[in-house]
């Protein structure tokens, strides 16, 4: 699946890049070695610019 096909797990909207759901750090690509842990580097919802785990959309 490429980046343009990813959907937000909460609202089903488009995503762009990744965002840590702990510290808010952003990255263009998934960072498995992120300091908070790779599992916290999740897709970022374009509707609200939040990590998909915190999406209020």
Protein backbone atom coordinates (compact mmCIF):
# COMPACT_ATOMS: atom_id res chain seq x y z
CA UNK A 1 0.00 0.00 0.00
CA UNK A 2 1.48 3.38 -0.88
CA UNK A 3 1.17 6.62 1.11
CA UNK A 4 -1.71 7.99 -0.99
CA UNK A 5 -3.81 4.89 -0.22
CA UNK A 6 -3.44 5.02 3.57
CA UNK A 7 -6.57 5.88 5.52
CA UNK A 8 -6.96 7.15 9.07
CA UNK A 9 -7.87 4.28 11.39
CA UNK A 10 -10.36 6.48 13.30
CA UNK A 11 -12.24 8.46 10.61
CA UNK A 12 -11.25 6.79 7.34
CA UNK A 13 -9.96 10.07 5.91
CA UNK A 14 -6.68 10.59 4.10
CA UNK A 15 -3.36 10.52 5.91
CA UNK A 16 -0.05 12.18 5.18
CA UNK A 17 3.19 11.31 6.89
CA UNK A 18 3.46 10.03 10.42
CA UNK A 19 3.12 11.53 13.89
CA UNK A 20 4.10 10.19 17.30
CA UNK A 21 1.02 9.74 19.48
CA UNK A 22 3.14 10.35 22.59
CA UNK A 23 5.38 13.38 21.89
CA UNK A 24 3.89 14.76 18.65
CA UNK A 25 7.08 14.46 16.57
CA UNK A 26 6.37 14.26 12.84
CA UNK A 27 8.13 12.32 10.09
CA UNK A 28 7.63 11.81 6.36
CA UNK A 29 8.19 8.06 6.74
CA UNK A 30 7.53 5.58 9.53
CA UNK A 31 10.38 5.70 12.06
CA UNK A 32 10.69 2.28 13.71
CA UNK A 33 13.59 3.62 15.81
CA UNK A 34 11.71 6.68 17.16
CA UNK A 35 12.64 7.46 20.76
CA UNK A 36 9.07 6.79 22.04
CA UNK A 37 9.02 3.46 20.21
CA UNK A 38 8.15 2.60 16.62
CA UNK A 39 4.62 1.61 17.58
CA UNK A 40 3.87 5.21 18.55
CA UNK A 41 4.86 6.52 15.10
CA UNK A 42 1.43 6.29 13.43
CA UNK A 43 -0.22 7.80 10.37
CA UNK A 44 -1.22 11.47 10.62
CA UNK A 45 -4.81 12.37 9.69
CA UNK A 46 -4.98 15.25 7.18
CA UNK A 47 -8.35 16.38 8.52
CA UNK A 48 -7.10 17.28 11.99
CA UNK A 49 -3.30 16.88 11.70
CA UNK A 50 -3.32 14.56 14.71
CA UNK A 51 -1.86 11.09 15.10
CA UNK A 52 -4.61 8.72 13.97
CA UNK A 53 -4.92 7.32 17.49
CA UNK A 54 -5.97 10.82 18.70
CA UNK A 55 -8.14 11.74 15.69
CA UNK A 56 -11.32 13.61 16.77
CA UNK A 57 -12.79 13.76 13.23
